[in-house]
Amino acid sequence: MSVVAASLTADQVFIEALSLPARVRSELAERLLASLEGEKIQKEIDQAWSVEVLERCKAFEEGRMTSRPADEVMRELYAKLK
């Protein structure tokens, strides 16, 4: 963020944006909304992974899932990628 933008309040930015042509305001609004959607999507991804981790831990503790050494798994994956 630039020093100029950091010193402006949201109200000041809004007032300045109103002076822009409609097309430019529309583009700005789309970009601002897209930046929020990215944050929302990341939160949803983080929540989904949290649920997945808890489910996997529970399955392991209940004996419904086994474990393997990481180096063994990585060797197998590397061999498949060759």
N, C-alpha and C. Protein backbone atom coordinates (compact mmCIF):
# COMPACT_ATOMS: atom_id res chain seq x y z
N MET A 1 0.86 -1.18 0.00
CA MET A 1 0.00 0.00 0.00
C MET A 1 0.90 1.23 0.00
N SER A 2 0.54 2.21 -0.80
CA SER A 2 1.36 3.42 -0.87
C SER A 2 1.14 4.30 0.36
N VAL A 3 2.05 5.21 0.59
CA VAL A 3 1.95 6.12 1.72
C VAL A 3 0.70 6.99 1.58
N VAL A 4 0.42 7.43 0.34
CA VAL A 4 -0.75 8.28 0.10
C VAL A 4 -2.02 7.51 0.43
N ALA A 5 -2.15 6.29 -0.07
CA ALA A 5 -3.35 5.49 0.17
C ALA A 5 -3.51 5.17 1.65
N ALA A 6 -2.41 4.96 2.35
CA ALA A 6 -2.48 4.62 3.76
C ALA A 6 -3.00 5.78 4.59
N SER A 7 -2.78 7.00 4.13
CA SER A 7 -3.20 8.16 4.91
C SER A 7 -4.65 8.56 4.62
N LEU A 8 -5.29 7.97 3.61
CA LEU A 8 -6.67 8.28 3.29
C LEU A 8 -7.62 7.39 4.09
N THR A 9 -8.73 7.96 4.51
CA THR A 9 -9.75 7.15 5.17
C THR A 9 -10.65 6.54 4.10
N ALA A 10 -11.45 5.56 4.50
CA ALA A 10 -12.37 4.92 3.57
C ALA A 10 -13.35 5.95 3.00
N ASP A 11 -13.80 6.87 3.82
CA ASP A 11 -14.73 7.90 3.35
C ASP A 11 -14.07 8.79 2.30
N GLN A 12 -12.80 9.13 2.52
CA GLN A 12 -12.10 9.97 1.56
C GLN A 12 -11.92 9.25 0.23
N VAL A 13 -11.60 7.97 0.31
CA VAL A 13 -11.43 7.17 -0.91
C VAL A 13 -12.76 7.09 -1.65
N PHE A 14 -13.85 6.88 -0.91
CA PHE A 14 -15.18 6.81 -1.50
C PHE A 14 -15.53 8.11 -2.23
N ILE A 15 -15.31 9.22 -1.56
CA ILE A 15 -15.63 10.54 -2.15
C ILE A 15 -14.80 10.75 -3.42
N GLU A 16 -13.52 10.40 -3.36
CA GLU A 16 -12.66 10.55 -4.55
C GLU A 16 -13.15 9.62 -5.66
N ALA A 17 -13.53 8.41 -5.32
CA ALA A 17 -13.99 7.45 -6.33
C ALA A 17 -15.25 7.92 -7.03
N LEU A 18 -16.11 8.63 -6.32
CA LEU A 18 -17.34 9.14 -6.93
C LEU A 18 -17.07 10.10 -8.08
N SER A 19 -15.91 10.72 -8.09
CA SER A 19 -15.59 11.66 -9.16
C SER A 19 -15.10 10.96 -10.43
N LEU A 20 -14.88 9.65 -10.36
CA LEU A 20 -14.42 8.89 -11.52
C LEU A 20 -15.58 8.64 -12.47
N PRO A 21 -15.29 8.43 -13.75
CA PRO A 21 -16.34 8.07 -14.70
C PRO A 21 -17.00 6.74 -14.28
N ALA A 22 -18.24 6.57 -14.66
CA ALA A 22 -19.01 5.38 -14.26
C ALA A 22 -18.29 4.08 -14.62
N ARG A 23 -17.72 4.01 -15.81
CA ARG A 23 -17.03 2.78 -16.23
C ARG A 23 -15.86 2.46 -15.30
N VAL A 24 -15.11 3.45 -14.94
CA VAL A 24 -13.95 3.27 -14.05
C VAL A 24 -14.42 2.88 -12.65
N ARG A 25 -15.50 3.52 -12.17
CA ARG A 25 -16.06 3.15 -10.85
C ARG A 25 -16.51 1.70 -10.85
N SER A 26 -17.13 1.29 -11.95
CA SER A 26 -17.59 -0.09 -12.07
C SER A 26 -16.41 -1.07 -12.01
N GLU A 27 -15.35 -0.77 -12.74
CA GLU A 27 -14.15 -1.61 -12.72
C GLU A 27 -13.55 -1.67 -11.31
N LEU A 28 -13.49 -0.52 -10.66
CA LEU A 28 -12.96 -0.45 -9.30
C LEU A 28 -13.80 -1.29 -8.35
N ALA A 29 -15.11 -1.16 -8.46
CA ALA A 29 -16.01 -1.93 -7.60
C ALA A 29 -15.82 -3.43 -7.82
N GLU A 30 -15.68 -3.85 -9.07
CA GLU A 30 -15.47 -5.27 -9.37
C GLU A 30 -14.16 -5.77 -8.76
N ARG A 31 -13.12 -4.96 -8.86
CA ARG A 31 -11.81 -5.35 -8.31
C ARG A 31 -11.86 -5.45 -6.79
N LEU A 32 -12.55 -4.51 -6.16
CA LEU A 32 -12.67 -4.54 -4.70
C LEU A 32 -13.47 -5.78 -4.25
N LEU A 33 -14.57 -6.07 -4.95
CA LEU A 33 -15.37 -7.25 -4.61
C LEU A 33 -14.57 -8.54 -4.82
N ALA A 34 -13.81 -8.60 -5.90
CA ALA A 34 -12.99 -9.78 -6.16
C ALA A 34 -11.96 -10.00 -5.06
N SER A 35 -11.43 -8.91 -4.51
CA SER A 35 -10.44 -9.06 -3.43
C SER A 35 -11.09 -9.64 -2.18
N LEU A 36 -12.35 -9.32 -1.95
CA LEU A 36 -13.07 -9.88 -0.80
C LEU A 36 -13.43 -11.33 -1.03
N GLU A 37 -13.83 -11.67 -2.24
CA GLU A 37 -14.19 -13.04 -2.56
C GLU A 37 -12.99 -13.96 -2.37
N GLY A 38 -11.80 -13.49 -2.71
CA GLY A 38 -10.60 -14.29 -2.51
C GLY A 38 -10.40 -14.64 -1.05
N GLU A 39 -10.63 -13.67 -0.17
CA GLU A 39 -10.50 -13.91 1.27
C GLU A 39 -11.56 -14.89 1.74
N LYS A 40 -12.79 -14.73 1.24
CA LYS A 40 -13.88 -15.62 1.63
C LYS A 40 -13.59 -17.05 1.19
N ILE A 41 -13.11 -17.21 -0.03
CA ILE A 41 -12.80 -18.54 -0.54
C ILE A 41 -11.70 -19.18 0.29
N GLN A 42 -10.67 -18.42 0.64
CA GLN A 42 -9.57 -18.98 1.45
C GLN A 42 -10.08 -19.42 2.81
N LYS A 43 -10.99 -18.65 3.42
CA LYS A 43 -11.56 -19.04 4.71
C LYS A 43 -12.33 -20.33 4.58
N GLU A 44 -13.08 -20.49 3.48
CA GLU A 44 -13.83 -21.72 3.26
C GLU A 44 -12.89 -22.90 3.07
N ILE A 45 -11.80 -22.70 2.36
CA ILE A 45 -10.81 -23.76 2.16
C ILE A 45 -10.18 -24.14 3.50
N ASP A 46 -9.80 -23.15 4.29
CA ASP A 46 -9.21 -23.41 5.60
C ASP A 46 -10.17 -24.18 6.50
N GLN A 47 -11.45 -23.81 6.48
CA GLN A 47 -12.45 -24.52 7.29
C GLN A 47 -12.59 -25.96 6.82
N ALA A 48 -12.64 -26.17 5.51
CA ALA A 48 -12.78 -27.52 4.98
C ALA A 48 -11.60 -28.39 5.38
N TRP A 49 -10.39 -27.83 5.32
CA TRP A 49 -9.21 -28.60 5.73
C TRP A 49 -9.23 -28.90 7.23
N SER A 50 -9.71 -27.99 8.02
CA SER A 50 -9.81 -28.23 9.46
C SER A 50 -10.72 -29.41 9.74
N VAL A 51 -11.85 -29.45 9.05
CA VAL A 51 -12.79 -30.57 9.21
C VAL A 51 -12.13 -31.87 8.76
N GLU A 52 -11.44 -31.82 7.61
CA GLU A 52 -10.78 -33.01 7.08
C GLU A 52 -9.72 -33.54 8.04
N VAL A 53 -8.92 -32.65 8.61
CA VAL A 53 -7.88 -33.06 9.56
C VAL A 53 -8.50 -33.74 10.77
N LEU A 54 -9.55 -33.15 11.32
CA LEU A 54 -10.21 -33.74 12.48
C LEU A 54 -10.79 -35.11 12.15
N GLU A 55 -11.40 -35.23 10.98
CA GLU A 55 -11.97 -36.52 10.58
C GLU A 55 -10.88 -37.57 10.40
N ARG A 56 -9.75 -37.19 9.81
CA ARG A 56 -8.65 -38.15 9.62
C ARG A 56 -8.05 -38.56 10.97
N CYS A 57 -7.88 -37.62 11.88
CA CYS A 57 -7.35 -37.96 13.21
C CYS A 57 -8.28 -38.92 13.93
N LYS A 58 -9.56 -38.66 13.87
CA LYS A 58 -10.55 -39.54 14.50
C LYS A 58 -10.51 -40.93 13.87
N ALA A 59 -10.44 -40.99 12.54
CA ALA A 59 -10.38 -42.29 11.85
C ALA A 59 -9.13 -43.05 12.25
N PHE A 60 -8.00 -42.36 12.39
CA PHE A 60 -6.75 -43.02 12.79
C PHE A 60 -6.87 -43.56 14.21
N GLU A 61 -7.40 -42.73 15.10
CA GLU A 61 -7.55 -43.15 16.50
C GLU A 61 -8.51 -44.33 16.65
N GLU A 62 -9.51 -44.41 15.78
CA GLU A 62 -10.49 -45.50 15.83
C GLU A 62 -10.04 -46.72 15.04
N GLY A 63 -8.85 -46.66 14.43
CA GLY A 63 -8.33 -47.80 13.68
C GLY A 63 -8.90 -47.95 12.28
N ARG A 64 -9.60 -46.95 11.79
CA ARG A 64 -10.17 -47.01 10.45
C ARG A 64 -9.17 -46.51 9.40
N MET A 65 -8.02 -46.04 9.85
CA MET A 65 -7.00 -45.52 8.95
C MET A 65 -5.64 -45.92 9.51
N THR A 66 -4.73 -46.29 8.63
CA THR A 66 -3.40 -46.66 9.08
C THR A 66 -2.40 -45.58 8.66
N SER A 67 -1.20 -45.71 9.16
CA SER A 67 -0.16 -44.75 8.79
C SER A 67 0.99 -45.49 8.12
N ARG A 68 1.79 -44.71 7.39
CA ARG A 68 3.00 -45.23 6.74
C ARG A 68 4.09 -44.19 6.88
N PRO A 69 5.34 -44.62 6.93
CA PRO A 69 6.44 -43.65 7.01
C PRO A 69 6.43 -42.72 5.79
N ALA A 70 6.66 -41.46 6.04
CA ALA A 70 6.62 -40.46 4.97
C ALA A 70 7.65 -40.75 3.88
N ASP A 71 8.85 -41.20 4.27
CA ASP A 71 9.88 -41.45 3.26
C ASP A 71 9.45 -42.57 2.31
N GLU A 72 8.72 -43.55 2.81
CA GLU A 72 8.21 -44.63 1.97
C GLU A 72 7.20 -44.10 0.96
N VAL A 73 6.29 -43.28 1.44
CA VAL A 73 5.26 -42.69 0.57
C VAL A 73 5.92 -41.82 -0.50
N MET A 74 6.89 -41.01 -0.11
CA MET A 74 7.56 -40.12 -1.05
C MET A 74 8.33 -40.90 -2.11
N ARG A 75 9.00 -42.00 -1.71
CA ARG A 75 9.71 -42.84 -2.68
C ARG A 75 8.76 -43.40 -3.73
N GLU A 76 7.58 -43.88 -3.26
CA GLU A 76 6.59 -44.42 -4.20
C GLU A 76 6.08 -43.34 -5.15
N LEU A 77 5.79 -42.17 -4.62
CA LEU A 77 5.32 -41.09 -5.48
C LEU A 77 6.38 -40.66 -6.49
N TYR A 78 7.60 -40.57 -6.03
CA TYR A 78 8.70 -40.18 -6.93
C TYR A 78 8.86 -41.20 -8.04
N ALA A 79 8.76 -42.49 -7.70
CA ALA A 79 8.90 -43.55 -8.71
C ALA A 79 7.77 -43.46 -9.75
N LYS A 80 6.57 -43.09 -9.31
CA LYS A 80 5.45 -42.97 -10.25
C LYS A 80 5.62 -41.78 -11.17
N LEU A 81 6.28 -40.74 -10.70
CA LEU A 81 6.45 -39.54 -11.50
C LEU A 81 7.59 -39.64 -12.51
N LYS A 82 8.48 -40.61 -12.35
CA LYS A 82 9.61 -40.77 -13.27
C LYS A 82 9.17 -41.20 -14.64
